[in-house]
Protein backbone atom coordinates (compact mmCIF):
# COMPACT_ATOMS: atom_id res chain seq x y z
CA MET A 1 -37.21 -10.06 -67.45
CA PRO A 2 -34.23 -12.10 -66.53
CA ARG A 3 -32.03 -8.41 -66.90
CA TYR A 4 -33.91 -7.10 -64.13
CA GLY A 5 -33.81 -9.89 -62.15
CA PHE A 6 -29.88 -10.19 -62.53
CA ILE A 7 -29.59 -6.45 -61.29
CA LEU A 8 -32.46 -7.26 -58.33
CA HIS A 9 -29.41 -10.44 -57.29
CA ASN A 10 -26.66 -7.80 -57.64
CA LEU A 11 -28.45 -5.20 -55.15
CA LEU A 12 -29.37 -7.92 -52.94
CA SER A 13 -26.41 -9.85 -53.48
CA SER A 14 -25.05 -8.88 -49.17
CA LYS A 15 -28.48 -10.61 -47.93
CA ILE A 16 -27.95 -14.08 -49.55
CA PRO A 17 -26.07 -16.64 -47.76
CA SER A 18 -22.60 -16.68 -49.17
CA LYS A 19 -23.01 -20.39 -49.25
CA SER A 20 -26.06 -20.64 -51.10
CA PRO A 21 -26.63 -21.67 -54.58
CA ALA A 22 -27.81 -18.15 -55.53
CA ALA A 23 -24.78 -16.50 -53.82
CA ILE A 24 -22.22 -19.15 -55.57
CA LEU A 25 -24.24 -18.16 -59.49
CA ILE A 26 -23.70 -14.42 -58.80
CA LYS A 27 -19.92 -15.34 -57.56
CA ASN A 28 -19.43 -16.97 -60.40
CA ARG A 29 -21.39 -14.49 -63.02
CA ARG A 30 -18.95 -11.42 -61.59
CA THR A 31 -15.65 -14.02 -61.99
CA ALA A 32 -16.71 -14.19 -65.44
CA ASN A 33 -17.53 -11.02 -66.51
CA ASN A 34 -14.16 -9.72 -64.61
CA LYS A 35 -12.43 -12.10 -67.25
CA ILE A 36 -14.51 -10.81 -70.18
CA SER A 37 -13.57 -6.86 -69.46
CA GLY A 38 -9.83 -7.93 -68.04
CA ASP A 39 -9.68 -9.85 -71.65
CA PHE A 40 -11.67 -7.29 -73.15
CA ASN A 41 -9.05 -4.68 -71.85
CA GLN A 42 -5.64 -6.44 -73.01
CA ASN A 43 -7.23 -6.66 -76.93
CA ILE A 44 -7.40 -3.35 -76.57
CA ILE A 45 -3.44 -2.37 -75.43
CA ASP A 46 -2.35 -5.37 -77.43
CA ALA A 47 -4.05 -3.30 -80.62
CA MET A 48 -2.14 -0.03 -79.84
CA PRO A 49 0.89 -0.08 -82.15
CA ALA A 50 3.20 2.11 -79.50
CA PRO A 51 4.32 0.07 -76.46
CA ILE A 52 2.68 0.10 -73.41
CA LEU A 53 3.54 -0.72 -69.91
CA VAL A 54 1.37 -0.64 -66.57
CA TYR A 55 3.12 -1.01 -63.31
CA ASP A 56 2.11 -0.65 -59.43
CA ARG A 57 3.41 1.59 -56.68
CA ASP A 58 6.85 -1.08 -56.00
CA GLY A 59 7.72 -1.00 -59.48
CA ARG A 60 6.08 -4.67 -60.60
CA PHE A 61 4.54 -5.20 -63.92
CA ILE A 62 1.21 -5.43 -63.97
CA THR A 63 0.54 -5.61 -67.72
CA ILE A 64 2.58 -4.79 -71.31
CA ASN A 65 1.21 -5.09 -74.95
CA LYS A 66 2.90 -6.83 -77.77
CA ALA A 67 3.82 -3.76 -79.19
CA PHE A 68 6.24 -3.44 -75.99
CA CYS A 69 7.53 -7.08 -76.46
CA GLU A 70 8.38 -6.31 -79.80
CA THR A 71 10.73 -3.27 -78.98
CA PHE A 72 12.22 -4.96 -75.45
CA GLU A 73 12.74 -7.84 -76.99
CA ILE A 74 10.78 -9.87 -74.17
CA CYS A 75 8.43 -13.08 -73.71
CA ARG A 76 5.61 -12.09 -72.23
CA ASN A 77 3.76 -14.76 -69.98
CA LYS A 78 2.68 -14.79 -66.01
CA ASN A 79 5.38 -15.87 -64.54
CA ILE A 80 8.23 -14.09 -66.27
CA LEU A 81 5.13 -10.61 -66.09
CA GLU A 82 5.61 -11.13 -62.56
CA ASN A 83 8.84 -11.20 -62.09
CA TYR A 84 9.80 -7.89 -63.78
CA ASN A 85 10.52 -4.56 -62.71
CA ILE A 86 11.37 -1.41 -63.52
CA LYS A 87 14.41 -0.86 -60.82
CA THR A 88 15.64 -4.67 -62.19
CA PHE A 89 14.46 -4.44 -66.12
CA LYS A 90 18.08 -4.36 -68.01
CA ASN A 91 16.27 -2.99 -71.16
CA PHE A 92 15.71 0.45 -69.00
CA MET A 93 18.27 2.32 -68.59
CA PHE A 94 16.78 6.01 -68.02
CA GLU A 95 19.64 8.42 -67.59
CA SER A 96 17.09 10.81 -65.83
CA GLU A 97 15.74 8.15 -63.86
CA LYS A 98 12.10 9.68 -64.38
CA ILE A 99 10.64 6.12 -64.47
CA ASP A 100 12.34 4.77 -61.46
CA ASN A 101 12.37 7.30 -58.77
CA GLU A 102 10.06 9.74 -59.77
CA ASN A 103 5.80 8.98 -58.67
CA LEU A 104 2.90 10.99 -59.39
CA SER A 105 -0.27 11.36 -57.85
CA VAL A 106 -3.37 9.90 -58.84
CA ASN A 107 -4.43 13.60 -59.46
CA GLU A 108 -1.60 15.50 -60.78
CA GLU A 109 -1.35 15.79 -64.62
CA GLN A 110 0.95 13.63 -66.74
CA MET A 111 4.43 13.62 -67.17
CA GLU A 112 6.71 13.71 -70.30
CA PHE A 113 10.57 12.40 -71.31
CA LEU A 114 12.64 11.57 -74.00
CA TYR A 115 14.35 7.81 -73.24
CA HIS A 116 17.28 7.01 -75.32
CA TYR A 117 17.24 3.32 -76.07
CA ILE A 118 19.62 1.48 -77.51
CA ASP A 119 18.98 -2.98 -78.11
CA GLU A 120 21.53 -5.67 -77.87
CA ASN A 121 22.39 -4.73 -81.58
CA GLY A 122 23.66 -1.44 -80.99
CA ASN A 123 20.29 -0.19 -82.30
CA SER A 124 19.55 3.20 -81.15
CA LYS A 125 15.52 4.65 -80.59
CA TRP A 126 14.24 7.25 -79.16
CA PHE A 127 10.10 7.48 -77.47
CA GLU A 128 8.86 9.92 -76.18
CA VAL A 129 7.47 8.58 -72.70
CA ILE A 130 4.04 9.85 -71.50
CA LYS A 131 3.63 8.57 -67.85
CA LYS A 132 0.33 9.14 -65.67
CA ASN A 133 -1.05 7.13 -62.48
CA ILE A 134 -4.37 5.60 -63.22
CA LYS A 135 -6.79 4.08 -60.02
CA ILE A 136 -6.77 0.58 -59.81
CA ASN A 137 -8.62 -2.02 -57.18
CA SER A 138 -5.77 -2.42 -55.61
CA PRO A 139 -2.86 -1.32 -54.47
CA GLY A 140 -4.87 1.82 -54.98
CA TYR A 141 -2.97 2.75 -57.67
CA ALA A 142 -1.00 2.02 -61.14
CA THR A 143 1.58 4.00 -63.58
CA PHE A 144 0.60 4.08 -67.20
CA CYS A 145 3.43 4.44 -69.44
CA LEU A 146 2.87 4.73 -73.65
CA PHE A 147 6.18 5.24 -75.33
CA ASN A 148 5.98 7.24 -78.88
CA ASP A 149 8.84 6.25 -80.97
CA ILE A 150 9.92 9.41 -82.08
CA THR A 151 13.49 8.08 -83.43
CA SER A 152 13.31 9.51 -87.61
CA ARG A 153 12.01 12.84 -85.71
CA LYS A 154 15.08 12.54 -83.75
CA LEU A 155 17.64 11.67 -86.42
CA ALA A 156 16.09 14.54 -88.47
CA GLU A 157 16.51 17.21 -85.62
CA ASP A 158 20.26 15.69 -85.52
CA LYS A 159 20.81 16.01 -88.93
CA LEU A 160 19.31 19.79 -89.11
CA MET A 161 21.33 20.83 -85.53
CA ASP A 162 24.38 19.43 -87.23
CA ALA A 163 23.85 21.15 -90.67
CA LEU A 164 23.43 24.80 -88.66
CA LYS A 165 26.63 23.40 -86.34
CA LYS A 166 28.45 23.54 -89.89
CA GLU A 167 26.89 26.78 -91.25
CA ILE A 168 27.66 28.48 -88.17
CA GLU A 169 31.20 26.89 -88.32
CA ILE A 170 31.65 27.66 -92.08
CA ASN A 171 30.59 31.46 -91.32
CA ARG A 172 32.90 31.77 -88.31
CA MET A 173 35.76 30.43 -90.48
CA LYS A 174 35.22 32.55 -93.48
CA ASN A 175 34.93 36.14 -91.26
CA GLN A 176 38.18 34.81 -89.24
CA PHE A 177 39.82 34.41 -92.95
CA ILE A 178 38.53 37.82 -94.68
CA SER A 179 40.44 39.01 -90.92
CA THR A 180 43.75 37.25 -91.30
CA ILE A 181 44.02 37.85 -94.70
CA SER A 182 43.55 41.45 -95.10
CA HIS A 183 45.67 41.34 -92.34
CA GLU A 184 48.19 39.25 -93.99
CA PHE A 185 48.16 41.63 -97.14
CA LYS A 186 47.73 45.32 -95.30
CA THR A 187 51.18 44.68 -93.69
CA PRO A 188 53.36 43.94 -97.26
CA LEU A 189 51.01 46.49 -99.18
CA SER A 190 51.54 48.97 -96.52
CA ILE A 191 55.71 48.40 -97.04
CA ILE A 192 55.83 48.45 -100.53
CA LEU A 193 53.33 51.77 -100.30
CA SER A 194 55.98 53.29 -98.18
CA SER A 195 59.28 52.25 -99.85
CA SER A 196 57.80 53.28 -103.49
CA GLU A 197 56.72 56.65 -102.32
CA LEU A 198 60.27 56.98 -100.65
CA ILE A 199 62.05 56.30 -103.62
CA GLU A 200 59.61 58.35 -105.78
CA TYR A 201 60.33 61.53 -103.79
CA TYR A 202 63.36 61.53 -103.07
CA PHE A 203 65.15 59.36 -105.60
CA ASP A 204 67.45 62.04 -106.20
CA ARG A 205 68.76 62.10 -103.01
CA LEU A 206 68.90 58.50 -101.93
CA THR A 207 71.89 56.73 -101.86
CA LYS A 208 72.96 53.58 -103.61
CA THR A 209 72.73 51.32 -100.34
CA GLN A 210 69.66 53.54 -99.24
CA MET A 211 67.89 52.82 -102.65
CA LYS A 212 68.58 48.97 -102.38
CA ASP A 213 67.57 48.43 -99.00
CA TYR A 214 64.41 50.03 -100.29
CA VAL A 215 64.20 48.05 -103.46
CA GLU A 216 64.62 44.58 -100.84
CA LYS A 217 61.93 45.25 -98.76
CA ILE A 218 59.53 45.65 -101.56
CA LYS A 219 60.78 42.57 -102.85
CA ILE A 220 60.59 40.92 -99.83
CA SER A 221 56.81 41.83 -99.42
CA VAL A 222 55.96 40.78 -102.81
CA LYS A 223 57.74 37.48 -102.04
CA ARG A 224 55.20 37.37 -99.05
CA MET A 225 52.45 38.18 -100.75
CA ASN A 226 52.82 35.57 -103.09
CA GLU A 227 53.60 33.04 -100.63
CA MET A 228 50.08 33.98 -98.96
CA ILE A 229 48.62 33.59 -102.16
CA GLU A 230 49.99 30.27 -103.83
CA ASN A 231 49.44 28.45 -100.16
CA LEU A 232 45.54 29.51 -100.88
CA ILE A 233 46.17 28.29 -103.81
CA ILE A 234 46.94 24.82 -102.62
CA ILE A 235 44.81 24.80 -99.55
CA SER A 236 41.96 25.10 -102.55
CA LYS A 237 42.74 22.48 -103.95
CA ALA A 238 42.95 20.01 -101.46
CA GLU A 239 39.77 20.91 -100.15
CA SER A 240 38.29 20.21 -103.62
CA ASN A 241 40.29 16.91 -104.48
CA LYS A 242 42.44 18.27 -107.36
CA LEU A 243 45.89 17.71 -106.08
CA THR A 244 47.33 14.35 -107.43
CA LEU A 245 50.41 12.43 -106.14
CA ILE A 246 53.20 12.22 -108.61
CA LYS A 247 55.67 9.56 -108.14
CA SER A 248 59.55 9.42 -108.55
CA GLU A 249 62.45 8.06 -106.63
CA ILE A 250 64.24 9.85 -104.07
CA GLU A 251 67.39 8.83 -102.35
CA ILE A 252 66.56 9.95 -98.84
CA LYS A 253 70.60 11.22 -98.03
CA PRO A 254 70.81 13.87 -100.48
CA PHE A 255 67.27 15.18 -100.30
CA CYS A 256 67.21 15.74 -96.67
CA GLU A 257 70.80 17.31 -97.18
CA GLY A 258 68.80 19.23 -99.53
CA LEU A 259 66.40 20.26 -97.20
CA ILE A 260 68.80 21.42 -94.37
CA GLU A 261 70.41 23.59 -96.85
CA GLU A 262 67.70 25.35 -97.73
CA THR A 263 65.81 26.06 -94.29
CA LYS A 264 69.09 26.65 -93.49
CA SER A 265 69.31 29.45 -96.07
CA SER A 266 66.00 30.58 -95.88
CA THR A 267 66.20 31.70 -92.05
CA LYS A 268 68.64 34.59 -90.44
CA LYS A 269 69.28 32.80 -87.48
CA ASN A 270 72.17 30.55 -86.66
CA GLY A 271 71.88 27.07 -85.65
CA LYS A 272 72.50 23.53 -86.03
CA ILE A 273 70.19 20.79 -87.66
CA THR A 274 71.78 16.99 -87.17
CA LEU A 275 70.76 14.29 -89.46
CA ILE A 276 70.35 11.24 -87.87
CA LEU A 277 69.61 8.38 -90.50
CA HIS A 278 67.77 4.98 -89.42
CA CYS A 279 68.08 3.48 -92.86
CA GLU A 280 70.85 3.04 -95.55
CA PRO A 281 72.08 6.36 -96.75
CA SER A 282 71.61 5.07 -100.28
CA ALA A 283 68.38 4.18 -99.53
CA ILE A 284 65.69 4.98 -101.97
CA ILE A 285 61.87 5.57 -101.56
CA LYS A 286 59.49 6.02 -104.03
CA ALA A 287 57.09 9.26 -103.45
CA ASP A 288 55.63 12.49 -104.65
CA GLU A 289 58.50 14.50 -104.00
CA LYS A 290 57.42 17.96 -104.44
CA ILE A 291 54.56 17.57 -101.81
CA LEU A 292 57.40 15.57 -99.33
CA ARG A 293 59.36 18.73 -99.68
CA HIS A 294 56.73 20.88 -98.75
CA ILE A 295 55.94 19.21 -95.43
CA LEU A 296 59.39 18.85 -94.39
CA LEU A 297 60.28 22.25 -95.47
CA ASN A 298 57.44 23.56 -93.54
CA LEU A 299 58.19 21.72 -90.39
CA LEU A 300 61.79 22.82 -90.09
CA SER A 301 61.68 25.95 -90.74
CA ASN A 302 58.80 26.52 -88.20
CA ALA A 303 61.60 24.42 -85.72
CA ALA A 304 64.00 27.34 -86.86
CA LYS A 305 61.74 30.02 -86.49
CA TYR A 306 60.35 29.07 -82.76
CA CYS A 307 63.74 28.28 -81.13
CA ILE A 308 64.53 32.18 -78.76
CA GLU A 309 67.83 32.09 -80.10
CA ASN A 310 70.37 30.10 -81.90
CA TYR A 311 68.07 26.67 -83.63
CA GLU A 312 69.39 23.35 -82.44
CA ILE A 313 67.17 20.38 -84.45
CA ASP A 314 67.54 16.97 -84.36
CA PHE A 315 66.44 15.76 -88.31
CA GLU A 316 65.27 11.24 -88.12
CA VAL A 317 64.81 9.42 -90.57
CA SER A 318 64.10 5.54 -90.67
CA ILE A 319 62.50 3.35 -93.50
CA ASP A 320 60.24 -0.19 -92.56
CA GLU A 321 58.81 -2.26 -95.28
CA LYS A 322 55.55 -0.21 -95.20
CA LYS A 323 56.58 3.47 -94.47
CA ILE A 324 59.12 6.36 -93.92
CA ILE A 325 58.85 8.11 -90.84
CA PHE A 326 60.42 11.73 -90.21
CA ILE A 327 60.92 13.05 -86.84
CA ILE A 328 61.87 17.06 -86.55
CA LYS A 329 62.44 18.08 -83.39
CA ASP A 330 63.85 21.38 -81.99
CA ARG A 331 64.56 23.24 -78.53
CA GLY A 332 62.48 26.23 -78.99
CA ILE A 333 59.99 27.97 -77.07
CA GLY A 334 57.22 24.58 -77.11
CA ILE A 335 53.36 24.43 -77.63
CA ASN A 336 51.04 25.14 -75.05
CA GLU A 337 49.02 21.88 -74.55
CA GLN A 338 45.27 23.56 -75.13
CA ASP A 339 47.24 24.90 -78.93
CA ILE A 340 47.78 21.49 -79.91
CA PRO A 341 43.98 20.28 -81.21
CA ASN A 342 43.96 23.45 -82.62
CA LEU A 343 47.26 23.78 -84.70
CA PHE A 344 46.02 22.22 -88.07
CA LYS A 345 43.16 24.42 -88.53
CA ALA A 346 43.74 27.19 -90.69
CA PHE A 347 45.06 30.56 -89.97
CA TYR A 348 45.25 28.79 -86.19
CA ARG A 349 48.87 30.16 -84.11
CA ALA A 350 49.54 29.35 -81.01
CA GLY A 351 49.31 31.35 -77.80
CA ASN A 352 52.80 31.84 -77.51
CA ALA A 353 53.43 32.69 -81.39
CA GLY A 354 53.71 36.38 -79.95
CA LYS A 355 55.29 38.60 -82.59
CA ILE A 356 56.94 35.80 -84.62
CA PRO A 357 55.90 35.85 -88.61
CA GLY A 358 53.57 33.67 -89.39
CA ASN A 359 49.78 33.58 -91.43
CA GLY A 360 48.45 29.97 -89.41
CA LEU A 361 48.41 28.22 -93.15
CA GLY A 362 52.01 26.04 -93.12
CA LEU A 363 51.02 23.52 -90.72
CA SER A 364 47.41 23.51 -92.05
CA ILE A 365 48.97 22.70 -95.49
CA ALA A 366 51.27 20.45 -94.29
CA LYS A 367 48.14 18.57 -92.89
CA LYS A 368 46.44 18.43 -95.95
CA PHE A 369 49.84 17.02 -97.62
CA VAL A 370 50.29 14.17 -94.93
CA ASP A 371 46.23 13.70 -95.62
CA ILE A 372 46.83 13.29 -99.45
CA HIS A 373 50.07 10.68 -98.64
CA ASN A 374 47.31 8.60 -96.50
CA GLY A 375 49.84 9.28 -93.76
CA GLU A 376 49.98 10.70 -90.08
CA ILE A 377 51.12 13.48 -88.49
CA SER A 378 51.23 13.95 -84.91
CA ILE A 379 52.84 16.45 -82.44
CA GLU A 380 54.42 15.74 -78.67
CA SER A 381 55.40 19.33 -76.62
CA GLN A 382 56.94 20.23 -73.66
CA TYR A 383 56.20 23.59 -73.37
CA GLY A 384 58.74 26.10 -73.11
CA SER A 385 61.56 23.51 -73.51
CA SER A 386 60.76 21.61 -77.13
CA THR A 387 58.73 20.02 -79.98
CA GLN A 388 58.41 17.31 -82.39
CA PHE A 389 56.81 16.35 -85.26
CA SER A 390 56.46 13.51 -86.52
CA VAL A 391 55.08 12.72 -90.28
CA SER A 392 54.79 8.68 -91.31
CA ILE A 393 54.13 8.07 -94.68
CA PRO A 394 53.34 5.07 -97.16
CA LEU A 395 55.32 4.16 -99.33
CA LEU A 396 54.14 4.24 -102.77
CA ASN A 397 54.77 1.17 -105.23
């Protein structure tokens, strides 16, 4: 009977004087019930493992749960909670601003979006946020947000995407490799075939000069193919970390002079290479002579090759306590700025290379050799006028 009496009191409460003992009793009971209900609701959201936030139409925090406090590293108390607002909350940097600026009506469907959070220690987390408006007594509605931690899933997706991109790039490089190799071998093979057929069919009618010319073409083509194969072997060894450094003492001046003579004899152009030593002529370093020679010969021959007429090259050398620096500067056709980031990729050739012979492997190999030495190689170029390569190699002890 007491239960029914309480219901009756509730139904008739509007007719009871507000200051009467019965009205005060009803009010106290309602306050107690509301407190119990509020505590019960807070306990429920505190038990949720996902961060939860409820805020009013002005962005002021109404309530948060323990998971929210732990995730966003804040303490929960009444005074602090009243001062929090989604527009000024430092831990909310929503790129899409969907929490801050987009409001849903009570009857609209919920909104879902991703939120990337980085804490003060630089740790990164990803949340799938579910946002929905709910009815409350005052001011009429509030916005409920559930933060579902999907960091593990996001990292797995990113890892999978990176693997997919690498696979696509590998397939692209394979196709480019096959296409380039086919083209590079087709030309010298065609020359060998045509020259040998001419010798076979017209052997008795060819002069010694003509015969010598055809034989020379065959030799040059074979040499070109052999160089290509050697370069591919070098790249393969470098990729599989099978190249090792062989230390030896190198006297700088005769070593560089030998490089200059070798460059001059290998190019058909006339030109000048000026050796500029910023060190003692008798200076001796310890390095892998074969690898160092390959790097510098490639850069010197490129400098001569990409000059329109007679080449003019400065070859500078300087040494300090930790490294030796080689600078090779030409006055050639230069390199377009957009080509520079790709120059060290295998088979890549600058857009203005035109019909100048080359297969795009030289700089790729040079870069790998510099990396093996734990050195650095850089490019500076003025399109149409000059190019400068700088190679810095740590000295081997």
